[in-house]
Each structure stands twice: as C-alpha cells, then as structure tokens.
N, C-alpha and C. Protein backbone atom coordinates (compact mmCIF):
# COMPACT_ATOMS: atom_id res chain seq x y z
N MET A 1 -37.46 -63.80 16.10
CA MET A 1 -36.10 -62.83 16.83
C MET A 1 -35.39 -64.20 17.33
N SER A 2 -34.19 -63.00 17.24
CA SER A 2 -32.56 -63.98 17.28
C SER A 2 -32.35 -63.91 18.72
N THR A 3 -31.08 -64.48 19.31
CA THR A 3 -31.16 -64.54 21.01
C THR A 3 -30.12 -63.01 20.87
N ALA A 4 -29.49 -62.33 19.69
CA ALA A 4 -28.98 -61.86 20.13
C ALA A 4 -29.72 -60.37 20.09
N ALA A 5 -30.89 -60.19 18.71
CA ALA A 5 -32.00 -59.42 19.24
C ALA A 5 -32.41 -58.99 20.66
N VAL A 6 -32.69 -60.29 21.42
CA VAL A 6 -33.41 -60.13 22.94
C VAL A 6 -32.05 -59.77 24.29
N ALA A 7 -30.48 -60.18 23.64
CA ALA A 7 -29.55 -60.12 24.37
C ALA A 7 -29.73 -58.16 24.11
N THR A 8 -29.84 -57.50 23.40
CA THR A 8 -29.75 -55.87 23.03
C THR A 8 -30.58 -55.05 23.64
N ARG A 9 -31.78 -55.77 23.60
CA ARG A 9 -32.97 -54.99 24.81
C ARG A 9 -32.50 -54.37 25.81
N PRO A 10 -32.46 -53.23 25.93
CA PRO A 10 -31.71 -52.01 26.79
C PRO A 10 -32.74 -51.95 27.96
N GLY A 11 -32.55 -52.22 28.95
CA GLY A 11 -33.38 -51.94 30.41
C GLY A 11 -34.46 -53.13 30.77
N GLU A 12 -34.36 -54.22 30.23
CA GLU A 12 -35.29 -55.29 30.39
C GLU A 12 -34.65 -56.30 31.33
N VAL A 13 -35.37 -56.59 31.96
CA VAL A 13 -35.29 -57.95 33.08
C VAL A 13 -35.97 -58.95 32.25
N LEU A 14 -36.71 -60.69 32.84
CA LEU A 14 -36.98 -61.56 32.02
C LEU A 14 -38.72 -60.99 32.51
N ALA A 15 -38.78 -60.85 33.26
CA ALA A 15 -39.93 -59.94 34.38
C ALA A 15 -40.88 -59.24 32.94
N ASP A 16 -40.11 -58.75 32.43
CA ASP A 16 -40.35 -57.74 31.56
C ASP A 16 -41.52 -58.21 30.17
N LEU A 17 -40.98 -59.61 29.81
CA LEU A 17 -41.73 -60.07 29.05
C LEU A 17 -42.82 -60.40 28.65
N LEU A 18 -43.42 -60.67 29.93
CA LEU A 18 -44.48 -60.74 30.50
C LEU A 18 -45.77 -59.42 29.96
N PRO A 19 -46.94 -59.61 29.64
CA PRO A 19 -47.53 -58.07 29.48
C PRO A 19 -47.99 -57.39 30.57
N ALA A 20 -47.37 -55.78 30.31
CA ALA A 20 -47.53 -55.23 31.24
C ALA A 20 -48.86 -54.88 32.19
N SER A 21 -48.81 -54.84 33.39
CA SER A 21 -50.18 -53.93 33.86
C SER A 21 -50.09 -54.47 35.69
N ARG A 22 -50.31 -54.31 36.21
CA ARG A 22 -50.46 -53.69 37.71
C ARG A 22 -50.26 -55.15 38.14
N THR A 23 -51.81 -55.75 37.66
CA THR A 23 -52.04 -56.63 38.14
C THR A 23 -50.42 -58.14 38.28
N ARG A 24 -49.96 -58.20 37.32
CA ARG A 24 -48.69 -58.52 36.69
C ARG A 24 -47.76 -57.97 37.66
N ASP A 25 -47.55 -56.99 37.80
CA ASP A 25 -46.65 -56.71 39.05
C ASP A 25 -46.71 -57.35 40.27
N ILE A 26 -48.26 -57.01 41.38
CA ILE A 26 -48.23 -57.50 41.78
C ILE A 26 -48.15 -59.04 42.31
N ALA A 27 -48.75 -59.46 41.72
CA ALA A 27 -48.68 -61.45 41.58
C ALA A 27 -46.80 -61.41 41.32
N LEU A 28 -46.93 -60.82 40.75
CA LEU A 28 -44.74 -61.50 40.60
C LEU A 28 -44.21 -60.80 42.19
N VAL A 29 -44.40 -59.48 42.01
CA VAL A 29 -43.76 -59.32 44.12
C VAL A 29 -44.48 -60.40 44.50
N ALA A 30 -45.48 -60.85 44.89
CA ALA A 30 -46.18 -61.27 45.86
C ALA A 30 -45.65 -63.13 45.68
N GLY A 31 -45.60 -63.67 44.16
CA GLY A 31 -45.31 -64.40 44.11
C GLY A 31 -43.93 -65.20 44.06
N GLY A 32 -42.53 -63.88 44.55
CA GLY A 32 -41.11 -63.57 44.36
C GLY A 32 -41.19 -63.52 46.23
N ALA A 33 -42.15 -63.12 46.97
CA ALA A 33 -42.14 -63.28 48.36
C ALA A 33 -41.98 -64.67 48.46
N VAL A 34 -43.12 -65.29 48.44
CA VAL A 34 -43.58 -66.48 47.77
C VAL A 34 -42.72 -67.82 48.59
N LEU A 35 -41.86 -67.38 47.09
CA LEU A 35 -41.06 -67.96 46.82
C LEU A 35 -39.71 -68.23 47.38
N THR A 36 -39.29 -67.35 47.96
CA THR A 36 -38.54 -66.76 49.35
C THR A 36 -38.60 -67.39 50.07
N GLY A 37 -39.75 -67.73 51.22
CA GLY A 37 -40.39 -68.16 51.78
C GLY A 37 -40.41 -69.86 52.14
N ILE A 38 -40.25 -70.13 50.33
CA ILE A 38 -40.64 -71.73 50.53
C ILE A 38 -38.86 -72.16 50.72
N ALA A 39 -38.42 -71.25 49.71
CA ALA A 39 -36.83 -71.62 50.16
C ALA A 39 -36.21 -71.95 50.86
N ALA A 40 -36.78 -70.83 52.07
CA ALA A 40 -36.15 -70.50 53.41
C ALA A 40 -36.56 -71.69 54.38
N GLN A 41 -37.07 -72.77 53.95
CA GLN A 41 -37.33 -74.30 54.86
C GLN A 41 -36.23 -75.05 54.23
N ILE A 42 -35.61 -74.92 53.25
CA ILE A 42 -34.29 -75.94 52.97
C ILE A 42 -33.64 -75.60 53.86
N VAL A 43 -33.50 -76.16 55.42
CA VAL A 43 -32.18 -76.15 55.59
C VAL A 43 -31.49 -76.98 56.30
N VAL A 44 -30.12 -76.34 56.34
CA VAL A 44 -28.69 -77.56 56.51
C VAL A 44 -28.30 -76.50 57.35
N PRO A 45 -28.13 -76.70 58.90
CA PRO A 45 -27.39 -76.68 60.10
C PRO A 45 -25.83 -76.54 59.77
N VAL A 46 -25.30 -75.36 60.20
CA VAL A 46 -23.64 -76.06 60.62
C VAL A 46 -23.37 -75.61 61.14
N PRO A 47 -22.29 -76.71 61.63
CA PRO A 47 -22.07 -76.71 63.18
C PRO A 47 -21.16 -76.05 63.34
N GLY A 48 -21.08 -75.40 64.45
CA GLY A 48 -20.72 -73.76 64.88
C GLY A 48 -20.65 -72.51 64.35
N SER A 49 -21.69 -72.68 63.73
CA SER A 49 -22.61 -71.26 63.17
C SER A 49 -24.00 -71.50 63.39
N PRO A 50 -24.55 -70.19 64.81
CA PRO A 50 -25.90 -70.12 64.49
C PRO A 50 -26.90 -70.12 63.52
N VAL A 51 -26.10 -69.62 61.86
CA VAL A 51 -26.81 -69.59 61.05
C VAL A 51 -26.70 -70.59 60.02
N PRO A 52 -27.88 -71.24 59.98
CA PRO A 52 -27.60 -72.54 58.69
C PRO A 52 -27.36 -71.79 57.58
N VAL A 53 -27.50 -72.83 56.65
CA VAL A 53 -27.44 -72.89 54.82
C VAL A 53 -28.85 -72.63 54.70
N THR A 54 -29.19 -72.05 53.89
CA THR A 54 -30.96 -72.38 53.38
C THR A 54 -30.95 -72.08 51.60
N GLY A 55 -32.12 -72.56 51.20
CA GLY A 55 -32.25 -72.00 50.48
C GLY A 55 -32.73 -70.57 49.71
N GLN A 56 -33.26 -70.04 50.59
CA GLN A 56 -33.85 -68.42 50.86
C GLN A 56 -32.30 -67.37 49.96
N THR A 57 -31.35 -67.25 50.00
CA THR A 57 -30.61 -66.97 49.97
C THR A 57 -30.57 -66.69 48.02
N PHE A 58 -30.36 -67.89 47.66
CA PHE A 58 -30.51 -68.17 46.19
C PHE A 58 -31.28 -67.46 45.47
N ALA A 59 -33.27 -67.77 46.66
CA ALA A 59 -34.38 -67.80 45.72
C ALA A 59 -34.66 -65.83 45.90
N ALA A 60 -33.71 -64.94 46.83
CA ALA A 60 -33.76 -64.00 46.91
C ALA A 60 -33.09 -63.08 45.96
N LEU A 61 -31.86 -64.05 45.40
CA LEU A 61 -30.75 -63.47 44.03
C LEU A 61 -31.36 -63.24 42.67
N LEU A 62 -31.75 -64.96 42.84
CA LEU A 62 -33.18 -65.14 41.60
C LEU A 62 -34.28 -64.26 41.48
N VAL A 63 -35.07 -63.84 42.35
CA VAL A 63 -36.13 -62.79 42.37
C VAL A 63 -35.65 -61.56 41.79
N GLY A 64 -34.38 -61.14 42.67
CA GLY A 64 -33.85 -59.94 42.40
C GLY A 64 -33.43 -59.33 40.92
N THR A 65 -32.64 -60.86 40.46
CA THR A 65 -32.47 -61.02 39.23
C THR A 65 -33.73 -60.63 38.18
N ALA A 66 -34.86 -61.86 38.05
CA ALA A 66 -35.68 -61.51 37.52
C ALA A 66 -37.11 -60.99 37.22
N LEU A 67 -37.15 -60.53 38.49
CA LEU A 67 -37.90 -59.37 38.57
C LEU A 67 -37.45 -57.50 38.63
N GLY A 68 -36.11 -57.08 38.97
CA GLY A 68 -35.62 -56.18 38.55
C GLY A 68 -35.70 -55.29 39.56
N ALA A 69 -35.16 -54.78 39.97
CA ALA A 69 -34.21 -53.55 41.09
C ALA A 69 -36.19 -53.47 41.97
N ARG A 70 -36.58 -52.66 41.41
CA ARG A 70 -38.17 -52.62 41.88
C ARG A 70 -39.19 -53.08 42.47
N ARG A 71 -39.59 -54.23 41.55
CA ARG A 71 -40.16 -55.76 41.89
C ARG A 71 -39.27 -56.15 42.30
N GLY A 72 -37.82 -56.69 42.77
CA GLY A 72 -37.26 -57.56 43.76
C GLY A 72 -37.52 -56.74 45.14
N LEU A 73 -36.76 -55.97 45.07
CA LEU A 73 -37.16 -54.88 46.41
C LEU A 73 -38.25 -55.25 46.79
N LEU A 74 -39.46 -54.90 46.37
CA LEU A 74 -40.66 -54.45 47.45
C LEU A 74 -40.55 -56.38 47.44
N SER A 75 -40.79 -57.23 47.03
CA SER A 75 -40.30 -58.66 47.04
C SER A 75 -40.04 -59.00 48.15
N LEU A 76 -38.65 -58.96 48.55
CA LEU A 76 -38.43 -59.31 49.59
C LEU A 76 -38.52 -58.00 50.86
N ALA A 77 -39.35 -57.14 50.56
CA ALA A 77 -39.56 -56.19 51.99
C ALA A 77 -41.35 -56.57 52.21
N LEU A 78 -41.77 -57.49 51.53
CA LEU A 78 -42.19 -58.44 51.14
C LEU A 78 -42.89 -59.37 51.94
N TYR A 79 -41.56 -59.85 51.53
CA TYR A 79 -40.94 -61.54 52.44
C TYR A 79 -40.83 -60.88 53.99
N ALA A 80 -39.66 -59.75 53.62
CA ALA A 80 -39.36 -59.60 55.89
C ALA A 80 -40.20 -59.01 56.41
N LEU A 81 -41.40 -58.16 55.70
CA LEU A 81 -42.46 -57.37 56.36
C LEU A 81 -43.67 -58.21 57.28
N VAL A 82 -43.89 -59.16 56.11
CA VAL A 82 -44.54 -60.36 57.09
C VAL A 82 -44.24 -61.01 57.39
N GLY A 83 -42.85 -62.13 57.16
CA GLY A 83 -42.11 -62.32 58.91
C GLY A 83 -42.16 -61.83 60.28
N MET A 84 -41.57 -60.27 59.90
CA MET A 84 -41.31 -60.15 61.02
C MET A 84 -42.77 -59.97 61.94
N ALA A 85 -44.35 -59.73 61.01
CA ALA A 85 -45.31 -59.82 61.44
C ALA A 85 -45.61 -61.01 62.04
N GLY A 86 -44.94 -62.06 62.24
CA GLY A 86 -45.34 -63.16 62.66
C GLY A 86 -45.92 -64.76 61.72
N VAL A 87 -45.50 -64.47 60.54
CA VAL A 87 -45.97 -65.44 59.61
C VAL A 87 -44.64 -66.22 59.51
N PRO A 88 -44.49 -67.75 59.74
CA PRO A 88 -43.39 -68.42 59.97
C PRO A 88 -42.10 -69.11 58.82
N TRP A 89 -42.14 -67.44 57.63
CA TRP A 89 -41.51 -68.82 56.97
C TRP A 89 -40.07 -68.14 56.67
N PHE A 90 -39.02 -67.33 57.68
CA PHE A 90 -38.08 -66.92 57.64
C PHE A 90 -37.83 -68.75 57.70
N GLN A 91 -35.76 -68.59 57.63
CA GLN A 91 -35.47 -69.82 57.43
C GLN A 91 -36.12 -71.19 58.91
N GLY A 92 -36.11 -72.31 58.53
CA GLY A 92 -36.90 -73.26 59.39
C GLY A 92 -38.09 -73.26 60.12
N GLY A 93 -39.12 -72.30 59.09
CA GLY A 93 -40.36 -71.61 59.88
C GLY A 93 -39.90 -71.10 61.38
N THR A 94 -39.40 -70.09 60.98
CA THR A 94 -38.67 -69.20 62.86
C THR A 94 -39.80 -67.72 61.85
N ALA A 95 -40.06 -66.77 62.69
CA ALA A 95 -40.61 -65.40 62.38
C ALA A 95 -39.89 -65.09 63.47
N GLY A 96 -40.44 -63.06 63.17
CA GLY A 96 -39.76 -62.08 64.26
C GLY A 96 -38.70 -61.53 63.33
N TRP A 97 -38.24 -60.59 63.67
CA TRP A 97 -37.17 -59.64 63.71
C TRP A 97 -35.80 -59.84 64.07
N GLY A 98 -35.92 -60.82 65.43
CA GLY A 98 -34.42 -60.57 66.27
C GLY A 98 -33.71 -61.56 65.56
N GLY A 99 -32.86 -62.32 65.85
CA GLY A 99 -31.97 -63.14 66.24
C GLY A 99 -30.80 -62.99 64.95
N ALA A 100 -29.95 -63.50 65.47
CA ALA A 100 -28.59 -64.02 64.64
C ALA A 100 -28.58 -63.97 63.31
N SER A 101 -29.70 -64.46 62.63
CA SER A 101 -29.36 -64.74 60.86
C SER A 101 -30.66 -63.49 60.43
N PHE A 102 -31.18 -62.62 61.15
CA PHE A 102 -32.33 -61.48 60.66
C PHE A 102 -31.28 -60.73 59.67
N GLY A 103 -30.00 -59.86 60.14
CA GLY A 103 -29.08 -59.11 59.32
C GLY A 103 -28.82 -59.52 57.44
N TYR A 104 -29.12 -61.28 57.52
CA TYR A 104 -29.29 -61.86 56.07
C TYR A 104 -30.39 -61.76 55.21
N VAL A 105 -30.94 -61.88 56.39
CA VAL A 105 -33.03 -61.30 55.71
C VAL A 105 -32.68 -59.59 55.06
N LEU A 106 -31.51 -58.66 55.68
CA LEU A 106 -32.65 -57.66 55.64
C LEU A 106 -31.37 -57.29 54.68
N GLY A 107 -29.73 -57.72 54.40
CA GLY A 107 -28.69 -58.29 53.34
C GLY A 107 -30.02 -58.48 52.18
N MET A 108 -30.94 -59.29 52.12
CA MET A 108 -31.57 -60.28 50.87
C MET A 108 -32.21 -58.94 49.92
N LEU A 109 -32.63 -58.41 51.27
CA LEU A 109 -33.79 -56.98 50.63
C LEU A 109 -33.00 -56.09 49.98
N ALA A 110 -32.02 -55.86 50.30
CA ALA A 110 -30.75 -54.90 49.75
C ALA A 110 -30.37 -55.80 48.60
N ALA A 111 -30.12 -56.84 48.87
CA ALA A 111 -28.90 -57.77 47.71
C ALA A 111 -30.30 -57.30 46.48
N ALA A 112 -31.26 -57.94 46.36
CA ALA A 112 -32.35 -57.91 45.23
C ALA A 112 -32.33 -56.60 44.02
N GLY A 113 -32.20 -55.53 45.15
CA GLY A 113 -32.63 -54.46 44.51
C GLY A 113 -31.12 -54.45 44.04
N VAL A 114 -30.13 -54.49 44.28
CA VAL A 114 -28.97 -53.98 43.86
C VAL A 114 -28.73 -55.33 42.02
N VAL A 115 -29.06 -57.04 42.71
CA VAL A 115 -28.96 -57.63 41.27
C VAL A 115 -29.85 -57.26 40.31
N GLY A 116 -30.85 -56.57 41.43
CA GLY A 116 -31.81 -56.47 39.77
C GLY A 116 -31.51 -55.34 38.88
N GLU A 117 -30.64 -54.70 39.34
CA GLU A 117 -30.28 -53.15 38.79
C GLU A 117 -29.33 -53.95 37.43
N LEU A 118 -28.26 -54.94 38.39
CA LEU A 118 -27.36 -55.31 37.27
C LEU A 118 -28.11 -56.08 36.17
N ALA A 119 -28.80 -56.76 36.51
CA ALA A 119 -29.94 -57.46 34.92
C ALA A 119 -30.41 -56.89 34.54
N ARG A 120 -30.45 -55.69 34.44
CA ARG A 120 -31.54 -54.64 34.03
C ARG A 120 -30.79 -53.80 33.06
N ARG A 121 -29.17 -53.83 33.83
CA ARG A 121 -27.90 -53.72 32.94
C ARG A 121 -27.22 -55.14 31.93
N GLY A 122 -28.06 -56.48 31.98
CA GLY A 122 -27.19 -57.31 31.18
C GLY A 122 -26.92 -58.30 32.09
N GLY A 123 -26.54 -58.12 33.44
CA GLY A 123 -25.98 -59.32 34.59
C GLY A 123 -26.66 -59.83 34.80
N ASP A 124 -27.76 -60.67 33.73
CA ASP A 124 -28.76 -61.85 33.41
C ASP A 124 -28.43 -62.99 32.30
N ARG A 125 -27.36 -61.80 31.20
CA ARG A 125 -27.63 -62.31 29.79
C ARG A 125 -27.05 -63.30 29.56
N SER A 126 -25.42 -63.28 30.55
CA SER A 126 -24.12 -64.86 30.02
C SER A 126 -23.39 -64.80 30.99
N MET A 127 -23.44 -66.25 30.84
CA MET A 127 -22.55 -67.05 32.36
C MET A 127 -21.50 -66.08 32.68
N LEU A 128 -20.48 -65.64 32.26
CA LEU A 128 -19.44 -64.40 33.00
C LEU A 128 -20.23 -63.48 33.79
N ARG A 129 -21.54 -62.70 33.35
CA ARG A 129 -21.89 -61.61 33.95
C ARG A 129 -22.32 -62.00 35.20
N MET A 130 -23.45 -63.09 34.55
CA MET A 130 -24.15 -64.21 36.06
C MET A 130 -23.39 -64.30 37.01
N ALA A 131 -22.67 -64.66 36.95
CA ALA A 131 -21.46 -65.03 37.90
C ALA A 131 -21.11 -63.48 38.56
N GLY A 132 -20.74 -62.64 38.13
CA GLY A 132 -20.09 -61.41 38.33
C GLY A 132 -21.87 -61.25 39.48
N THR A 133 -22.84 -60.84 38.87
CA THR A 133 -24.26 -60.96 39.28
C THR A 133 -24.27 -61.50 40.88
N MET A 134 -24.60 -62.84 40.72
CA MET A 134 -24.96 -63.50 41.87
C MET A 134 -23.16 -62.97 43.03
N ALA A 135 -22.03 -63.18 42.16
CA ALA A 135 -21.03 -62.44 43.36
C ALA A 135 -21.35 -61.23 44.03
N VAL A 136 -22.32 -60.19 43.30
CA VAL A 136 -22.01 -59.10 44.20
C VAL A 136 -23.04 -58.91 45.51
N GLY A 137 -24.49 -59.59 44.55
CA GLY A 137 -25.47 -59.91 45.72
C GLY A 137 -24.94 -60.31 46.85
N SER A 138 -24.30 -61.63 46.25
CA SER A 138 -23.80 -62.40 47.91
C SER A 138 -23.20 -61.58 48.98
N ALA A 139 -22.20 -60.16 48.41
CA ALA A 139 -21.42 -59.75 48.98
C ALA A 139 -22.33 -58.58 50.01
N VAL A 140 -22.99 -58.34 49.46
CA VAL A 140 -23.69 -57.38 50.18
C VAL A 140 -24.44 -58.03 50.85
N ILE A 141 -25.20 -59.28 51.29
CA ILE A 141 -26.24 -60.06 51.84
C ILE A 141 -25.29 -60.49 52.71
N TYR A 142 -24.01 -60.76 53.38
CA TYR A 142 -22.91 -60.57 53.82
C TYR A 142 -23.07 -59.07 53.93
N ALA A 143 -21.88 -58.51 53.81
CA ALA A 143 -21.77 -56.87 54.06
C ALA A 143 -23.17 -56.61 55.35
N VAL A 144 -24.57 -57.23 55.20
CA VAL A 144 -25.66 -56.35 56.50
C VAL A 144 -25.49 -57.90 57.20
N GLY A 145 -25.54 -58.58 56.87
CA GLY A 145 -25.54 -59.95 57.54
C GLY A 145 -24.76 -60.43 58.31
N VAL A 146 -23.59 -60.19 58.14
CA VAL A 146 -21.97 -60.65 59.08
C VAL A 146 -22.10 -59.39 60.05
N PRO A 147 -22.10 -58.44 59.73
CA PRO A 147 -21.76 -57.62 61.29
C PRO A 147 -23.69 -57.47 61.98
N TRP A 148 -24.72 -57.70 61.68
CA TRP A 148 -25.60 -58.38 62.54
C TRP A 148 -25.12 -59.30 63.47
N LEU A 149 -24.70 -60.51 62.89
CA LEU A 149 -24.36 -61.78 63.19
C LEU A 149 -23.31 -60.92 64.79
N ALA A 150 -22.71 -60.94 64.39
CA ALA A 150 -21.55 -60.25 65.29
C ALA A 150 -22.24 -59.07 66.16
N ALA A 151 -23.10 -57.72 66.03
CA ALA A 151 -23.77 -57.85 66.92
C ALA A 151 -24.58 -58.32 67.51
N SER A 152 -25.66 -58.95 67.06
CA SER A 152 -26.35 -60.04 67.72
C SER A 152 -26.13 -61.16 68.95
N THR A 153 -24.95 -61.41 69.06
CA THR A 153 -24.22 -62.48 69.47
C THR A 153 -23.23 -62.28 70.62
N GLY A 154 -22.78 -61.09 70.07
CA GLY A 154 -21.51 -60.70 70.64
C GLY A 154 -20.60 -61.05 70.51
N MET A 155 -20.78 -61.65 69.32
CA MET A 155 -19.42 -62.05 68.79
C MET A 155 -18.43 -60.88 68.13
N SER A 156 -16.66 -61.47 67.96
CA SER A 156 -16.03 -60.52 67.02
C SER A 156 -16.45 -60.27 65.59
N LEU A 157 -16.24 -58.85 64.99
CA LEU A 157 -16.37 -59.47 64.03
C LEU A 157 -15.04 -60.41 62.70
N SER A 158 -14.43 -60.80 63.66
CA SER A 158 -13.54 -61.75 63.18
C SER A 158 -14.02 -63.52 62.97
N ALA A 159 -14.96 -64.00 64.15
CA ALA A 159 -15.46 -64.29 64.41
C ALA A 159 -16.89 -64.92 63.48
N ALA A 160 -17.88 -63.64 63.73
CA ALA A 160 -18.58 -63.30 62.65
C ALA A 160 -18.54 -64.02 61.23
N VAL A 161 -17.23 -63.31 60.90
CA VAL A 161 -16.70 -63.96 59.46
C VAL A 161 -16.48 -65.38 59.32
N ALA A 162 -15.65 -65.58 60.46
CA ALA A 162 -15.91 -67.32 60.61
C ALA A 162 -16.65 -68.58 60.56
N ALA A 163 -17.88 -67.53 61.29
CA ALA A 163 -19.10 -68.62 61.37
C ALA A 163 -20.20 -68.51 60.33
N GLY A 164 -20.40 -67.06 59.91
CA GLY A 164 -21.02 -66.53 59.25
C GLY A 164 -21.02 -66.22 57.60
N LEU A 165 -19.99 -66.34 56.94
CA LEU A 165 -19.45 -66.00 55.73
C LEU A 165 -18.28 -67.47 55.42
N VAL A 166 -17.34 -67.72 56.10
CA VAL A 166 -16.82 -68.57 55.08
C VAL A 166 -17.23 -70.35 55.03
N PRO A 167 -17.82 -70.67 56.06
CA PRO A 167 -18.56 -72.15 55.58
C PRO A 167 -19.90 -72.06 54.46
N PHE A 168 -20.07 -70.78 54.39
CA PHE A 168 -20.70 -70.65 53.06
C PHE A 168 -20.66 -69.81 52.10
N LEU A 169 -19.31 -70.25 51.58
CA LEU A 169 -18.52 -69.61 50.45
C LEU A 169 -18.61 -70.67 48.98
N ILE A 170 -18.45 -72.08 50.17
CA ILE A 170 -19.02 -73.15 48.58
C ILE A 170 -20.69 -73.40 48.06
N GLY A 171 -21.28 -73.17 48.63
CA GLY A 171 -22.33 -73.19 48.80
C GLY A 171 -22.90 -71.95 47.53
N ASP A 172 -22.78 -70.70 47.71
CA ASP A 172 -22.69 -69.72 47.28
C ASP A 172 -21.89 -69.72 45.76
N ALA A 173 -20.83 -70.37 46.07
CA ALA A 173 -20.08 -71.01 44.57
C ALA A 173 -21.04 -71.83 44.10
N LEU A 174 -22.40 -72.98 44.38
CA LEU A 174 -22.53 -73.68 44.09
C LEU A 174 -24.23 -72.84 43.60
N LYS A 175 -25.32 -72.11 44.06
CA LYS A 175 -25.73 -71.28 43.87
C LYS A 175 -25.37 -70.47 42.73
N ALA A 176 -24.63 -69.71 42.48
CA ALA A 176 -23.84 -69.32 41.72
C ALA A 176 -23.98 -69.91 39.43
N ALA A 177 -23.30 -70.86 40.09
CA ALA A 177 -23.42 -71.90 39.51
C ALA A 177 -24.78 -72.59 38.60
N LEU A 178 -26.18 -72.48 39.68
CA LEU A 178 -26.75 -73.04 38.87
C LEU A 178 -27.59 -71.57 38.53
N ALA A 179 -27.43 -70.21 38.95
CA ALA A 179 -27.81 -69.09 38.30
C ALA A 179 -27.00 -69.08 37.02
N MET A 180 -25.98 -69.53 36.83
CA MET A 180 -24.79 -69.70 35.86
C MET A 180 -25.69 -70.18 34.92
N GLY A 181 -26.19 -70.68 34.82
CA GLY A 181 -26.48 -71.81 33.75
C GLY A 181 -28.46 -71.59 33.40
N ALA A 182 -29.54 -70.95 34.63
CA ALA A 182 -30.70 -70.82 34.57
C ALA A 182 -30.73 -70.01 33.87
N LEU A 183 -30.58 -68.63 34.34
CA LEU A 183 -31.06 -66.84 33.58
C LEU A 183 -30.53 -67.25 32.32
N PRO A 184 -29.23 -67.07 31.74
CA PRO A 184 -28.63 -66.87 30.57
C PRO A 184 -28.94 -67.74 29.44
N THR A 185 -29.76 -69.31 30.02
CA THR A 185 -30.26 -69.76 29.03
C THR A 185 -31.74 -69.59 29.08
N SER A 186 -32.45 -68.48 30.14
CA SER A 186 -33.76 -68.72 29.69
C SER A 186 -33.53 -68.00 28.65
N TRP A 187 -32.77 -66.37 28.57
CA TRP A 187 -32.83 -65.57 27.68
C TRP A 187 -32.85 -66.38 25.69
N LYS A 188 -31.86 -66.88 26.11
CA LYS A 188 -31.42 -68.16 24.62
C LYS A 188 -32.34 -68.66 24.36
N LEU A 189 -33.38 -68.85 25.47
CA LEU A 189 -34.75 -69.99 24.64
C LEU A 189 -35.65 -68.97 24.65
N ILE A 190 -36.18 -67.76 25.07
CA ILE A 190 -36.88 -66.32 24.80
C ILE A 190 -36.25 -66.29 23.24
N GLY A 191 -35.41 -66.03 23.01
CA GLY A 191 -34.62 -64.99 21.65
C GLY A 191 -35.02 -66.60 20.42
N ARG A 192 -35.44 -68.15 21.07
CA ARG A 192 -35.03 -68.99 19.84
C ARG A 192 -36.80 -69.17 19.83
N ARG A 193 -37.90 -68.67 20.46
CA ARG A 193 -38.84 -68.66 20.60
C ARG A 193 -39.89 -67.47 20.06
N ASP A 194 -39.36 -66.44 20.60
CA ASP A 194 -39.66 -65.99 19.37
C ASP A 194 -39.67 -65.40 17.49
C-alpha cells in the first residue's frame, strides 16, 4: 500500500492501526497516562516563573494526536485524576490539584481531545498540518493554564502571560518541530510497510 493510500484513510489516527479491542484501548489509555507522568519528571526551572518547562506538555499533545480525541482525553483524564489522588507524577514528582501549574494539567486534558480530533481529520499527516495541530494544542493549554496561574498566584493576567506563556514559546517551537518529524514520518513508514 502506498503512503498516499494511508494518508487518505478518513477518520483514523495511528492507534487505530493496531488490532481493535477493548484491551488495546485500555492499554493505550493507561500507557498514555504513564508516558505523560514520566515526561513530567523532565523539569527545567524558569527564572521568575512558578511554572517550569516540562516534558508533560509534549507527551500530552503526542498522546492526544496518536490516540485520537476519545482515548487521548481519557488518557489525560486518568493522568490528572491519579495525580490529584496523590500519585506523585505531576511535574517534578508533585501531586494534588492545587498550585500554580495545575491549570496547565487541565489545559493538557482539553488539548489532548482537540489535537486528537485534528489528527482524526488528518492533522498529523504532513509537517505543515502537524505544526498547526501542535500550535492549536499549545494554545488550548495556555488558554486554561495562564488564567489559572493568575488566579492561583494573585498575578495580573499580563504578569501571568509574561511568566506562564512567553518563556515557553521557544520550547514549544522545538516540541512542535519534533512532532512535525515524528508523526508524519510514522505515517510514511506505515505506508511503505503495508
């Protein structure tokens, strides 16, 4: 099967190429939550910001894109609920639902659903589309995370943007570049293998 044939399958995401079963879906949802929890342990403090750079945003967007809207949303919901219940797998081994960065966790949950839907519509099939998918997902994360940061710290919205969005834009561009290579390449490899 050619790459073009894979790219024209409407409504599929990478996870749909695995044999369908309830066990598959449970494993994918749990695996996505665990991947996000592991990636959250990659932490780089940002001077002047209570929010660090972490790997969890990249993982959340990849999970949503690869698993699709429903499974991606469920995976990030599992990640959030388990972390809220006390498992220390939020950024840097933290847990609980409060704190300055918890809004970003909620934003990642929403973003996983959004990018999953975009992927189902082909948003992961080319480098340009993947760049757009990552940009939309990042915007969703910030749309929830920055206001939460402002409310939880007493910062003004402009101060929260300066501390919780601006310092992360370069990292987001790097994450988007990685995703732009990874997912479209995966579709091409699958097309060549079939």
